[in-house]
């Protein structure tokens, strides 16, 4: 047992500098792939100005006057001063900004002026929500999705509603009527 613990301790000591070399606790990103320090991942805080791109952020990702782009994000995307976020594969957490663009899957909250998403397990809250996949809940002036469990707003449109739409105009291809005011649900 002591030998096993010794081997594990030595392996962890050797592996940790390798793992830390790929991730940075703090990063500044900008145009043309500039990342300081030069790393593919952030485990802490990143500030992206104009357009910053990195593979992974675990922590808080601030964007200022432009877009922060990641492949995966776990934590908080926060747009400051016209900041936006783009997640190419997977986001878990919260995206707050003028424009939130999640191309893959998202779990959590997207809150902004415009949300363009794919599959969302959580809430899209915006003036305009547009989803190419399935959403659990959309709350906006206008929400358009391929399929949804719940939509609340002035104008709601989906190919497939699994639950209910509440709004002034509600359109669903599988609704009890294709378009109906106040409420619509699957037939």
N, C-alpha and C. Protein backbone atom coordinates (compact mmCIF):
# COMPACT_ATOMS: atom_id res chain seq x y z
N UNK A 1 0.82 -1.19 0.00
CA UNK A 1 0.00 0.00 0.00
C UNK A 1 0.87 1.25 0.00
N UNK A 2 1.97 1.23 0.81
CA UNK A 2 2.86 2.38 0.86
C UNK A 2 3.53 2.60 -0.48
N UNK A 3 3.88 1.50 -1.17
CA UNK A 3 4.52 1.61 -2.49
C UNK A 3 3.55 2.25 -3.49
N UNK A 4 2.29 1.83 -3.45
CA UNK A 4 1.29 2.38 -4.35
C UNK A 4 1.12 3.88 -4.13
N UNK A 5 1.04 4.29 -2.86
CA UNK A 5 0.90 5.71 -2.55
C UNK A 5 2.14 6.50 -2.99
N UNK A 6 3.31 5.90 -2.83
CA UNK A 6 4.54 6.56 -3.28
C UNK A 6 4.56 6.73 -4.79
N UNK A 7 4.17 5.69 -5.51
CA UNK A 7 4.12 5.75 -6.98
C UNK A 7 3.12 6.81 -7.43
N UNK A 8 1.94 6.85 -6.80
CA UNK A 8 0.92 7.84 -7.16
C UNK A 8 1.41 9.26 -6.87
N UNK A 9 2.10 9.45 -5.75
CA UNK A 9 2.61 10.78 -5.41
C UNK A 9 3.66 11.24 -6.41
N UNK A 10 4.57 10.34 -6.80
CA UNK A 10 5.59 10.68 -7.80
C UNK A 10 4.95 10.97 -9.15
N UNK A 11 3.95 10.16 -9.55
CA UNK A 11 3.26 10.38 -10.83
C UNK A 11 2.54 11.73 -10.84
N UNK A 12 1.89 12.08 -9.73
CA UNK A 12 1.20 13.37 -9.64
C UNK A 12 2.18 14.52 -9.71
N UNK A 13 3.32 14.38 -9.05
CA UNK A 13 4.33 15.45 -9.07
C UNK A 13 4.90 15.66 -10.45
N UNK A 14 5.09 14.56 -11.21
CA UNK A 14 5.62 14.66 -12.56
C UNK A 14 4.56 15.20 -13.51
N UNK A 15 3.31 14.77 -13.35
CA UNK A 15 2.24 15.16 -14.28
C UNK A 15 1.76 16.59 -14.06
N UNK A 16 1.78 17.10 -12.84
CA UNK A 16 1.21 18.41 -12.58
C UNK A 16 1.89 19.55 -13.33
N UNK A 17 3.23 19.60 -13.48
CA UNK A 17 3.80 20.67 -14.29
C UNK A 17 3.39 20.57 -15.75
N UNK A 18 3.20 19.34 -16.25
CA UNK A 18 2.76 19.15 -17.64
C UNK A 18 1.36 19.69 -17.80
N UNK A 19 0.47 19.36 -16.85
CA UNK A 19 -0.90 19.85 -16.93
C UNK A 19 -0.96 21.36 -16.78
N UNK A 20 -0.16 21.91 -15.88
CA UNK A 20 -0.17 23.37 -15.68
C UNK A 20 0.41 24.12 -16.87
N UNK A 21 1.29 23.48 -17.63
CA UNK A 21 1.89 24.14 -18.79
C UNK A 21 0.85 24.41 -19.87
N UNK A 22 -0.20 23.60 -19.92
CA UNK A 22 -1.23 23.77 -20.94
C UNK A 22 -2.32 24.74 -20.52
N UNK A 23 -2.42 25.07 -19.25
CA UNK A 23 -3.47 25.93 -18.73
C UNK A 23 -2.85 27.12 -18.01
N UNK A 24 -3.54 28.24 -18.08
CA UNK A 24 -3.06 29.46 -17.43
C UNK A 24 -4.13 29.96 -16.46
N UNK A 25 -3.75 30.43 -15.28
CA UNK A 25 -4.76 30.93 -14.33
C UNK A 25 -5.32 32.29 -14.74
N UNK A 26 -4.56 33.09 -15.49
CA UNK A 26 -4.99 34.41 -15.95
C UNK A 26 -4.50 34.59 -17.37
N UNK A 27 -5.35 35.18 -18.24
CA UNK A 27 -4.96 35.37 -19.63
C UNK A 27 -5.56 36.64 -20.20
N UNK A 28 -4.81 37.28 -21.10
CA UNK A 28 -5.30 38.39 -21.93
C UNK A 28 -5.27 37.91 -23.38
N UNK A 29 -6.40 38.07 -24.09
CA UNK A 29 -6.50 37.63 -25.49
C UNK A 29 -6.95 38.78 -26.36
N UNK A 30 -6.46 38.77 -27.61
CA UNK A 30 -6.88 39.78 -28.57
C UNK A 30 -6.76 39.22 -29.99
N UNK A 31 -6.69 40.11 -30.97
CA UNK A 31 -6.72 39.74 -32.38
C UNK A 31 -5.57 38.83 -32.80
N UNK A 32 -5.79 38.15 -33.92
CA UNK A 32 -4.77 37.29 -34.55
C UNK A 32 -4.24 36.20 -33.64
N UNK A 33 -5.08 35.65 -32.78
CA UNK A 33 -4.69 34.55 -31.92
C UNK A 33 -3.73 34.92 -30.81
N UNK A 34 -3.64 36.22 -30.47
CA UNK A 34 -2.74 36.66 -29.41
C UNK A 34 -3.30 36.26 -28.04
N UNK A 35 -2.55 35.45 -27.31
CA UNK A 35 -2.89 35.06 -25.94
C UNK A 35 -1.66 35.27 -25.07
N UNK A 36 -1.82 36.01 -23.98
CA UNK A 36 -0.71 36.21 -23.05
C UNK A 36 -1.17 35.76 -21.67
N UNK A 37 -0.55 34.71 -21.15
CA UNK A 37 0.52 33.90 -21.72
C UNK A 37 -0.02 33.01 -22.84
N UNK A 38 0.91 32.51 -23.65
CA UNK A 38 0.58 31.66 -24.79
C UNK A 38 0.14 30.29 -24.28
N UNK A 39 -1.17 30.05 -24.30
CA UNK A 39 -1.73 28.81 -23.78
C UNK A 39 -3.02 28.50 -24.52
N UNK A 40 -3.45 27.24 -24.46
CA UNK A 40 -4.68 26.85 -25.13
C UNK A 40 -5.87 26.78 -24.17
N UNK A 41 -5.60 26.92 -22.86
CA UNK A 41 -6.66 26.79 -21.87
C UNK A 41 -6.44 27.77 -20.72
N UNK A 42 -7.57 28.16 -20.11
CA UNK A 42 -7.55 29.05 -18.96
C UNK A 42 -8.30 28.37 -17.83
N UNK A 43 -7.69 28.33 -16.67
CA UNK A 43 -8.33 27.83 -15.47
C UNK A 43 -8.36 28.94 -14.45
N UNK A 44 -9.19 29.94 -14.68
CA UNK A 44 -9.24 31.12 -13.82
C UNK A 44 -10.01 32.25 -14.48
N UNK A 45 -9.28 33.31 -14.90
CA UNK A 45 -9.91 34.50 -15.47
C UNK A 45 -9.23 34.86 -16.79
N UNK A 46 -10.05 35.18 -17.79
CA UNK A 46 -9.53 35.63 -19.08
C UNK A 46 -10.24 36.92 -19.47
N UNK A 47 -9.48 37.84 -20.06
CA UNK A 47 -10.02 39.08 -20.62
C UNK A 47 -9.74 39.06 -22.12
N UNK A 48 -10.81 39.10 -22.92
CA UNK A 48 -10.69 39.12 -24.38
C UNK A 48 -11.13 40.49 -24.88
N UNK A 49 -10.25 41.15 -25.65
CA UNK A 49 -10.55 42.46 -26.21
C UNK A 49 -10.55 42.33 -27.73
N UNK A 50 -11.59 42.84 -28.37
CA UNK A 50 -11.85 42.77 -29.81
C UNK A 50 -12.20 41.34 -30.21
N UNK A 51 -11.25 40.44 -30.34
CA UNK A 51 -11.56 39.02 -30.60
C UNK A 51 -10.46 38.15 -30.01
N UNK A 52 -10.81 37.44 -28.96
CA UNK A 52 -9.87 36.52 -28.32
C UNK A 52 -10.36 35.11 -28.51
N UNK A 53 -9.44 34.19 -28.80
CA UNK A 53 -9.82 32.80 -29.04
C UNK A 53 -8.90 31.87 -28.26
N UNK A 54 -9.51 30.90 -27.58
CA UNK A 54 -8.79 29.88 -26.84
C UNK A 54 -9.64 28.62 -26.85
N UNK A 55 -9.02 27.46 -26.65
CA UNK A 55 -9.78 26.22 -26.69
C UNK A 55 -10.71 26.04 -25.50
N UNK A 56 -10.22 26.33 -24.29
CA UNK A 56 -11.02 26.03 -23.10
C UNK A 56 -10.88 27.11 -22.03
N UNK A 57 -12.03 27.44 -21.42
CA UNK A 57 -12.03 28.32 -20.25
C UNK A 57 -12.82 27.62 -19.15
N UNK A 58 -12.17 27.51 -17.98
CA UNK A 58 -12.85 27.06 -16.77
C UNK A 58 -12.69 28.20 -15.78
N UNK A 59 -13.76 28.94 -15.57
CA UNK A 59 -13.71 30.11 -14.71
C UNK A 59 -14.54 31.24 -15.27
N UNK A 60 -13.97 32.43 -15.31
CA UNK A 60 -14.69 33.62 -15.78
C UNK A 60 -14.00 34.14 -17.05
N UNK A 61 -14.82 34.38 -18.07
CA UNK A 61 -14.33 34.86 -19.36
C UNK A 61 -14.99 36.21 -19.66
N UNK A 62 -14.22 37.29 -19.56
CA UNK A 62 -14.73 38.64 -19.83
C UNK A 62 -14.41 39.01 -21.27
N UNK A 63 -15.38 39.59 -21.97
CA UNK A 63 -15.13 40.13 -23.32
C UNK A 63 -15.46 41.61 -23.32
N UNK A 64 -14.59 42.39 -23.98
CA UNK A 64 -14.75 43.84 -24.05
C UNK A 64 -14.70 44.26 -25.51
N UNK A 65 -15.70 45.01 -25.95
CA UNK A 65 -15.78 45.55 -27.30
C UNK A 65 -15.39 44.48 -28.33
N UNK A 66 -16.09 43.40 -28.33
CA UNK A 66 -15.80 42.34 -29.29
C UNK A 66 -16.24 40.99 -28.76
N UNK A 67 -15.61 39.95 -29.29
CA UNK A 67 -16.06 38.60 -29.00
C UNK A 67 -14.98 37.75 -28.36
N UNK A 68 -15.41 37.01 -27.36
CA UNK A 68 -14.60 35.98 -26.74
C UNK A 68 -15.03 34.66 -27.36
N UNK A 69 -14.09 33.89 -27.90
CA UNK A 69 -14.42 32.62 -28.56
C UNK A 69 -13.68 31.47 -27.88
N UNK A 70 -14.43 30.42 -27.56
CA UNK A 70 -13.86 29.21 -26.97
C UNK A 70 -14.48 27.99 -27.63
N UNK A 71 -13.82 26.84 -27.46
CA UNK A 71 -14.44 25.59 -27.86
C UNK A 71 -15.32 25.08 -26.73
N UNK A 72 -14.80 25.12 -25.48
CA UNK A 72 -15.59 24.73 -24.32
C UNK A 72 -15.42 25.76 -23.21
N UNK A 73 -16.51 26.00 -22.51
CA UNK A 73 -16.50 26.93 -21.38
C UNK A 73 -17.27 26.30 -20.23
N UNK A 74 -16.66 26.33 -19.05
CA UNK A 74 -17.31 25.94 -17.82
C UNK A 74 -17.17 27.13 -16.88
N UNK A 75 -18.28 27.76 -16.56
CA UNK A 75 -18.23 28.94 -15.70
C UNK A 75 -19.09 30.07 -16.22
N UNK A 76 -18.48 31.27 -16.31
CA UNK A 76 -19.23 32.48 -16.64
C UNK A 76 -18.61 33.20 -17.83
N UNK A 77 -19.41 33.44 -18.87
CA UNK A 77 -19.05 34.35 -19.96
C UNK A 77 -19.73 35.68 -19.63
N UNK A 78 -18.94 36.75 -19.57
CA UNK A 78 -19.51 38.04 -19.20
C UNK A 78 -19.04 39.11 -20.18
N UNK A 79 -19.99 39.65 -20.94
CA UNK A 79 -19.68 40.68 -21.92
C UNK A 79 -19.75 42.06 -21.30
N UNK A 80 -18.63 42.76 -21.32
CA UNK A 80 -18.56 44.14 -20.83
C UNK A 80 -18.44 45.09 -22.02
N UNK A 81 -19.07 46.22 -21.98
CA UNK A 81 -18.92 47.25 -23.01
C UNK A 81 -18.99 46.65 -24.41
N UNK A 82 -20.16 46.18 -24.80
CA UNK A 82 -20.41 45.59 -26.11
C UNK A 82 -19.65 44.28 -26.31
N UNK A 83 -19.51 43.52 -25.26
CA UNK A 83 -18.84 42.23 -25.33
C UNK A 83 -19.82 41.12 -25.67
N UNK A 84 -19.32 40.13 -26.40
CA UNK A 84 -20.13 38.99 -26.82
C UNK A 84 -19.32 37.72 -26.60
N UNK A 85 -20.02 36.57 -26.62
CA UNK A 85 -19.31 35.30 -26.47
C UNK A 85 -19.75 34.32 -27.54
N UNK A 86 -18.80 33.49 -27.97
CA UNK A 86 -19.07 32.42 -28.93
C UNK A 86 -18.46 31.14 -28.36
N UNK A 87 -19.28 30.12 -28.20
CA UNK A 87 -18.81 28.81 -27.74
C UNK A 87 -19.09 27.83 -28.87
N UNK A 88 -18.03 27.18 -29.35
CA UNK A 88 -18.15 26.32 -30.53
C UNK A 88 -18.66 24.91 -30.24
N UNK A 89 -18.38 24.38 -29.02
CA UNK A 89 -18.77 23.00 -28.75
C UNK A 89 -19.68 22.84 -27.54
N UNK A 90 -19.24 23.29 -26.37
CA UNK A 90 -20.02 23.04 -25.16
C UNK A 90 -19.81 24.13 -24.13
N UNK A 91 -20.93 24.56 -23.52
CA UNK A 91 -20.89 25.55 -22.46
C UNK A 91 -21.71 25.03 -21.29
N UNK A 92 -21.13 25.10 -20.10
CA UNK A 92 -21.86 24.80 -18.87
C UNK A 92 -21.68 25.99 -17.95
N UNK A 93 -22.78 26.63 -17.60
CA UNK A 93 -22.71 27.79 -16.73
C UNK A 93 -23.64 28.90 -17.17
N UNK A 94 -23.11 30.13 -17.21
CA UNK A 94 -23.92 31.31 -17.51
C UNK A 94 -23.20 32.17 -18.55
N UNK A 95 -23.94 32.59 -19.56
CA UNK A 95 -23.44 33.56 -20.55
C UNK A 95 -24.28 34.82 -20.43
N UNK A 96 -23.63 35.93 -20.09
CA UNK A 96 -24.28 37.23 -19.96
C UNK A 96 -23.61 38.20 -20.93
N UNK A 97 -24.36 38.72 -21.88
CA UNK A 97 -23.77 39.66 -22.82
C UNK A 97 -24.79 40.16 -23.81
N UNK A 98 -24.37 41.08 -24.64
CA UNK A 98 -25.26 41.60 -25.67
C UNK A 98 -25.61 40.50 -26.67
N UNK A 99 -24.61 39.69 -27.00
CA UNK A 99 -24.77 38.64 -28.00
C UNK A 99 -24.11 37.37 -27.49
N UNK A 100 -24.90 36.29 -27.37
CA UNK A 100 -24.39 34.99 -26.95
C UNK A 100 -24.61 34.00 -28.09
N UNK A 101 -23.53 33.36 -28.53
CA UNK A 101 -23.60 32.45 -29.67
C UNK A 101 -23.02 31.12 -29.24
N UNK A 102 -23.88 30.11 -29.07
CA UNK A 102 -23.47 28.77 -28.68
C UNK A 102 -23.81 27.81 -29.81
N UNK A 103 -22.79 27.33 -30.50
CA UNK A 103 -22.99 26.46 -31.66
C UNK A 103 -23.24 25.00 -31.28
N UNK A 104 -22.77 24.59 -30.12
CA UNK A 104 -22.91 23.20 -29.69
C UNK A 104 -24.04 23.05 -28.70
N UNK A 105 -23.70 22.51 -27.53
CA UNK A 105 -24.70 22.33 -26.48
C UNK A 105 -24.39 23.27 -25.32
N UNK A 106 -25.44 23.69 -24.65
CA UNK A 106 -25.29 24.59 -23.50
C UNK A 106 -26.15 24.07 -22.36
N UNK A 107 -25.59 24.13 -21.17
CA UNK A 107 -26.33 23.77 -19.96
C UNK A 107 -26.23 24.96 -19.02
N UNK A 108 -27.36 25.57 -18.71
CA UNK A 108 -27.35 26.73 -17.83
C UNK A 108 -28.21 27.85 -18.37
N UNK A 109 -27.67 29.08 -18.29
CA UNK A 109 -28.42 30.29 -18.64
C UNK A 109 -27.68 31.08 -19.71
N UNK A 110 -28.41 31.46 -20.76
CA UNK A 110 -27.95 32.43 -21.76
C UNK A 110 -28.83 33.66 -21.59
N UNK A 111 -28.27 34.76 -21.13
CA UNK A 111 -29.03 35.99 -20.94
C UNK A 111 -28.35 37.10 -21.71
N UNK A 112 -29.07 37.69 -22.66
CA UNK A 112 -28.50 38.75 -23.46
C UNK A 112 -29.55 39.45 -24.29
N UNK A 113 -29.11 40.29 -25.18
CA UNK A 113 -30.04 40.93 -26.11
C UNK A 113 -30.43 39.94 -27.19
N UNK A 114 -29.43 39.22 -27.72
CA UNK A 114 -29.67 38.19 -28.74
C UNK A 114 -28.92 36.93 -28.33
N UNK A 115 -29.63 35.80 -28.34
CA UNK A 115 -29.03 34.48 -28.12
C UNK A 115 -29.21 33.65 -29.38
N UNK A 116 -28.12 33.19 -29.95
CA UNK A 116 -28.17 32.23 -31.05
C UNK A 116 -27.56 30.95 -30.52
N UNK A 117 -28.38 29.91 -30.42
CA UNK A 117 -27.96 28.68 -29.76
C UNK A 117 -28.31 27.47 -30.61
N UNK A 118 -27.90 26.32 -30.11
CA UNK A 118 -28.27 25.05 -30.72
C UNK A 118 -29.11 24.29 -29.70
N UNK A 119 -28.50 23.38 -28.95
CA UNK A 119 -29.22 22.63 -27.93
C UNK A 119 -28.96 23.27 -26.56
N UNK A 120 -30.04 23.60 -25.84
CA UNK A 120 -29.90 24.27 -24.55
C UNK A 120 -30.71 23.54 -23.50
N UNK A 121 -30.00 23.05 -22.47
CA UNK A 121 -30.65 22.50 -21.29
C UNK A 121 -30.58 23.59 -20.24
N UNK A 122 -31.61 24.39 -20.18
CA UNK A 122 -31.62 25.53 -19.27
C UNK A 122 -32.53 26.61 -19.82
N UNK A 123 -32.15 27.87 -19.62
CA UNK A 123 -32.99 29.01 -19.99
C UNK A 123 -32.28 29.94 -20.95
N UNK A 124 -32.96 30.28 -22.04
CA UNK A 124 -32.55 31.36 -22.93
C UNK A 124 -33.41 32.57 -22.59
N UNK A 125 -32.79 33.65 -22.17
CA UNK A 125 -33.50 34.87 -21.78
C UNK A 125 -32.91 36.02 -22.58
N UNK A 126 -33.74 36.65 -23.44
CA UNK A 126 -33.22 37.71 -24.32
C UNK A 126 -34.37 38.48 -24.96
N UNK A 127 -34.01 39.49 -25.74
CA UNK A 127 -35.00 40.14 -26.59
C UNK A 127 -35.34 39.19 -27.75
N UNK A 128 -34.30 38.52 -28.30
CA UNK A 128 -34.49 37.56 -29.40
C UNK A 128 -33.70 36.29 -29.09
N UNK A 129 -34.38 35.15 -29.15
CA UNK A 129 -33.76 33.83 -29.04
C UNK A 129 -33.94 33.11 -30.36
N UNK A 130 -32.85 32.56 -30.88
CA UNK A 130 -32.92 31.74 -32.10
C UNK A 130 -32.13 30.47 -31.85
N UNK A 131 -32.78 29.31 -31.97
CA UNK A 131 -32.12 28.04 -31.70
C UNK A 131 -32.30 27.08 -32.87
N UNK A 132 -31.20 26.46 -33.29
CA UNK A 132 -31.25 25.48 -34.38
C UNK A 132 -31.51 24.07 -33.87
N UNK A 133 -31.54 23.89 -32.57
CA UNK A 133 -31.77 22.58 -31.97
C UNK A 133 -32.92 22.65 -30.97
N UNK A 134 -32.79 21.88 -29.89
CA UNK A 134 -33.83 21.80 -28.86
C UNK A 134 -33.49 22.71 -27.69
N UNK A 135 -34.49 23.43 -27.19
CA UNK A 135 -34.33 24.26 -26.01
C UNK A 135 -35.34 23.82 -24.95
N UNK A 136 -34.95 23.97 -23.70
CA UNK A 136 -35.86 23.64 -22.61
C UNK A 136 -36.82 24.80 -22.36
N UNK A 137 -36.28 26.03 -22.25
CA UNK A 137 -37.13 27.19 -21.97
C UNK A 137 -36.58 28.43 -22.66
N UNK A 138 -37.46 29.14 -23.38
CA UNK A 138 -37.13 30.39 -24.05
C UNK A 138 -38.06 31.48 -23.53
N UNK A 139 -37.46 32.58 -23.06
CA UNK A 139 -38.24 33.75 -22.63
C UNK A 139 -37.67 34.95 -23.38
N UNK A 140 -38.52 35.59 -24.23
CA UNK A 140 -38.04 36.70 -25.05
C UNK A 140 -39.23 37.42 -25.67
N UNK A 141 -38.94 38.56 -26.32
CA UNK A 141 -39.96 39.18 -27.15
C UNK A 141 -40.27 38.26 -28.32
N UNK A 142 -39.22 37.67 -28.92
CA UNK A 142 -39.38 36.74 -30.03
C UNK A 142 -38.46 35.55 -29.83
N UNK A 143 -39.02 34.34 -29.93
CA UNK A 143 -38.25 33.10 -29.82
C UNK A 143 -38.57 32.21 -31.00
N UNK A 144 -37.50 31.72 -31.65
CA UNK A 144 -37.64 30.80 -32.77
C UNK A 144 -36.72 29.62 -32.49
N UNK A 145 -37.26 28.40 -32.59
CA UNK A 145 -36.43 27.22 -32.34
C UNK A 145 -36.90 26.06 -33.19
N UNK A 146 -36.03 25.05 -33.31
CA UNK A 146 -36.42 23.82 -34.00
C UNK A 146 -37.41 23.04 -33.15
N UNK A 147 -37.10 22.91 -31.85
CA UNK A 147 -38.03 22.30 -30.91
C UNK A 147 -37.81 22.91 -29.53
N UNK A 148 -38.87 22.90 -28.72
CA UNK A 148 -38.79 23.52 -27.40
C UNK A 148 -39.79 22.89 -26.46
N UNK A 149 -39.47 22.94 -25.17
CA UNK A 149 -40.43 22.51 -24.15
C UNK A 149 -41.36 23.65 -23.77
N UNK A 150 -40.79 24.89 -23.69
CA UNK A 150 -41.56 26.03 -23.20
C UNK A 150 -41.07 27.32 -23.85
N UNK A 151 -42.02 28.13 -24.32
CA UNK A 151 -41.69 29.45 -24.87
C UNK A 151 -42.66 30.47 -24.30
N UNK A 152 -42.10 31.61 -23.87
CA UNK A 152 -42.90 32.71 -23.34
C UNK A 152 -42.41 33.99 -23.99
N UNK A 153 -43.33 34.74 -24.63
CA UNK A 153 -42.96 35.99 -25.26
C UNK A 153 -44.08 36.53 -26.11
N UNK A 154 -43.82 37.62 -26.82
CA UNK A 154 -44.83 38.17 -27.73
C UNK A 154 -45.01 37.27 -28.94
N UNK A 155 -43.88 36.81 -29.54
CA UNK A 155 -43.92 35.94 -30.72
C UNK A 155 -43.09 34.69 -30.43
N UNK A 156 -43.72 33.53 -30.55
CA UNK A 156 -43.04 32.25 -30.32
C UNK A 156 -43.27 31.36 -31.54
N UNK A 157 -42.19 30.74 -32.01
CA UNK A 157 -42.32 29.86 -33.17
C UNK A 157 -41.36 28.68 -33.02
N UNK A 158 -41.87 27.49 -33.26
CA UNK A 158 -41.07 26.27 -33.23
C UNK A 158 -41.67 25.23 -34.17
N UNK A 159 -40.84 24.33 -34.63
CA UNK A 159 -41.35 23.21 -35.42
C UNK A 159 -42.11 22.26 -34.50
N UNK A 160 -41.52 22.00 -33.31
CA UNK A 160 -42.11 21.02 -32.40
C UNK A 160 -42.14 21.58 -30.99
N UNK A 161 -43.32 21.72 -30.44
CA UNK A 161 -43.47 22.13 -29.05
C UNK A 161 -43.78 20.88 -28.23
N UNK A 162 -42.99 20.66 -27.19
CA UNK A 162 -43.23 19.51 -26.31
C UNK A 162 -44.11 19.89 -25.12
N UNK A 163 -44.16 21.17 -24.79
CA UNK A 163 -44.93 21.64 -23.66
C UNK A 163 -45.94 22.69 -24.09
N UNK A 164 -45.62 23.97 -23.79
CA UNK A 164 -46.59 25.04 -24.04
C UNK A 164 -45.87 26.31 -24.53
N UNK A 165 -46.59 27.07 -25.34
CA UNK A 165 -46.17 28.41 -25.77
C UNK A 165 -47.19 29.40 -25.21
N UNK A 166 -46.69 30.49 -24.64
CA UNK A 166 -47.57 31.52 -24.11
C UNK A 166 -47.10 32.85 -24.68
N UNK A 167 -48.01 33.56 -25.38
CA UNK A 167 -47.65 34.83 -25.98
C UNK A 167 -48.76 35.39 -26.84
N UNK A 168 -48.49 36.49 -27.52
CA UNK A 168 -49.48 37.12 -28.40
C UNK A 168 -49.68 36.26 -29.65
N UNK A 169 -48.58 35.80 -30.26
CA UNK A 169 -48.64 34.91 -31.43
C UNK A 169 -47.77 33.69 -31.13
N UNK A 170 -48.36 32.50 -31.23
CA UNK A 170 -47.67 31.25 -30.93
C UNK A 170 -47.84 30.30 -32.11
N UNK A 171 -46.73 29.94 -32.74
CA UNK A 171 -46.79 29.06 -33.90
C UNK A 171 -45.95 27.81 -33.64
N UNK A 172 -46.55 26.65 -33.88
CA UNK A 172 -45.86 25.37 -33.75
C UNK A 172 -46.44 24.41 -34.78
N UNK A 173 -45.59 23.77 -35.55
CA UNK A 173 -46.07 22.84 -36.59
C UNK A 173 -46.88 21.71 -35.99
N UNK A 174 -46.57 21.30 -34.77
CA UNK A 174 -47.34 20.22 -34.13
C UNK A 174 -48.33 20.76 -33.09
N UNK A 175 -48.60 22.07 -33.10
CA UNK A 175 -49.52 22.66 -32.14
C UNK A 175 -50.96 22.25 -32.41
N UNK A 176 -51.84 22.46 -31.43
CA UNK A 176 -53.25 22.11 -31.65
C UNK A 176 -53.82 22.93 -32.78
N UNK A 177 -53.27 24.13 -33.02
CA UNK A 177 -53.43 24.88 -34.26
C UNK A 177 -52.03 25.37 -34.64
N UNK A 178 -51.77 25.50 -35.94
CA UNK A 178 -50.43 25.91 -36.38
C UNK A 178 -50.03 27.25 -35.74
N UNK A 179 -50.91 28.21 -35.69
CA UNK A 179 -50.67 29.50 -35.03
C UNK A 179 -51.92 29.85 -34.23
N UNK A 180 -51.69 30.29 -32.99
CA UNK A 180 -52.83 30.61 -32.15
C UNK A 180 -52.40 31.68 -31.14
N UNK A 181 -53.28 32.65 -30.85
CA UNK A 181 -52.92 33.67 -29.85
C UNK A 181 -53.03 33.13 -28.42
N UNK A 182 -52.33 33.76 -27.53
CA UNK A 182 -52.32 33.53 -26.08
C UNK A 182 -51.64 32.22 -25.69
N UNK A 183 -52.10 31.08 -26.18
CA UNK A 183 -51.51 29.80 -25.76
C UNK A 183 -51.56 28.77 -26.89
N UNK A 184 -50.55 27.95 -26.97
CA UNK A 184 -50.51 26.86 -27.95
C UNK A 184 -49.76 25.70 -27.30
N UNK A 185 -50.14 24.50 -27.66
CA UNK A 185 -49.49 23.30 -27.11
C UNK A 185 -49.62 22.18 -28.13
N UNK A 186 -48.87 21.11 -27.91
CA UNK A 186 -48.87 19.98 -28.86
C UNK A 186 -50.24 19.32 -28.91
N UNK A 187 -50.59 18.87 -30.13
CA UNK A 187 -51.89 18.18 -30.25
C UNK A 187 -51.79 16.77 -29.80
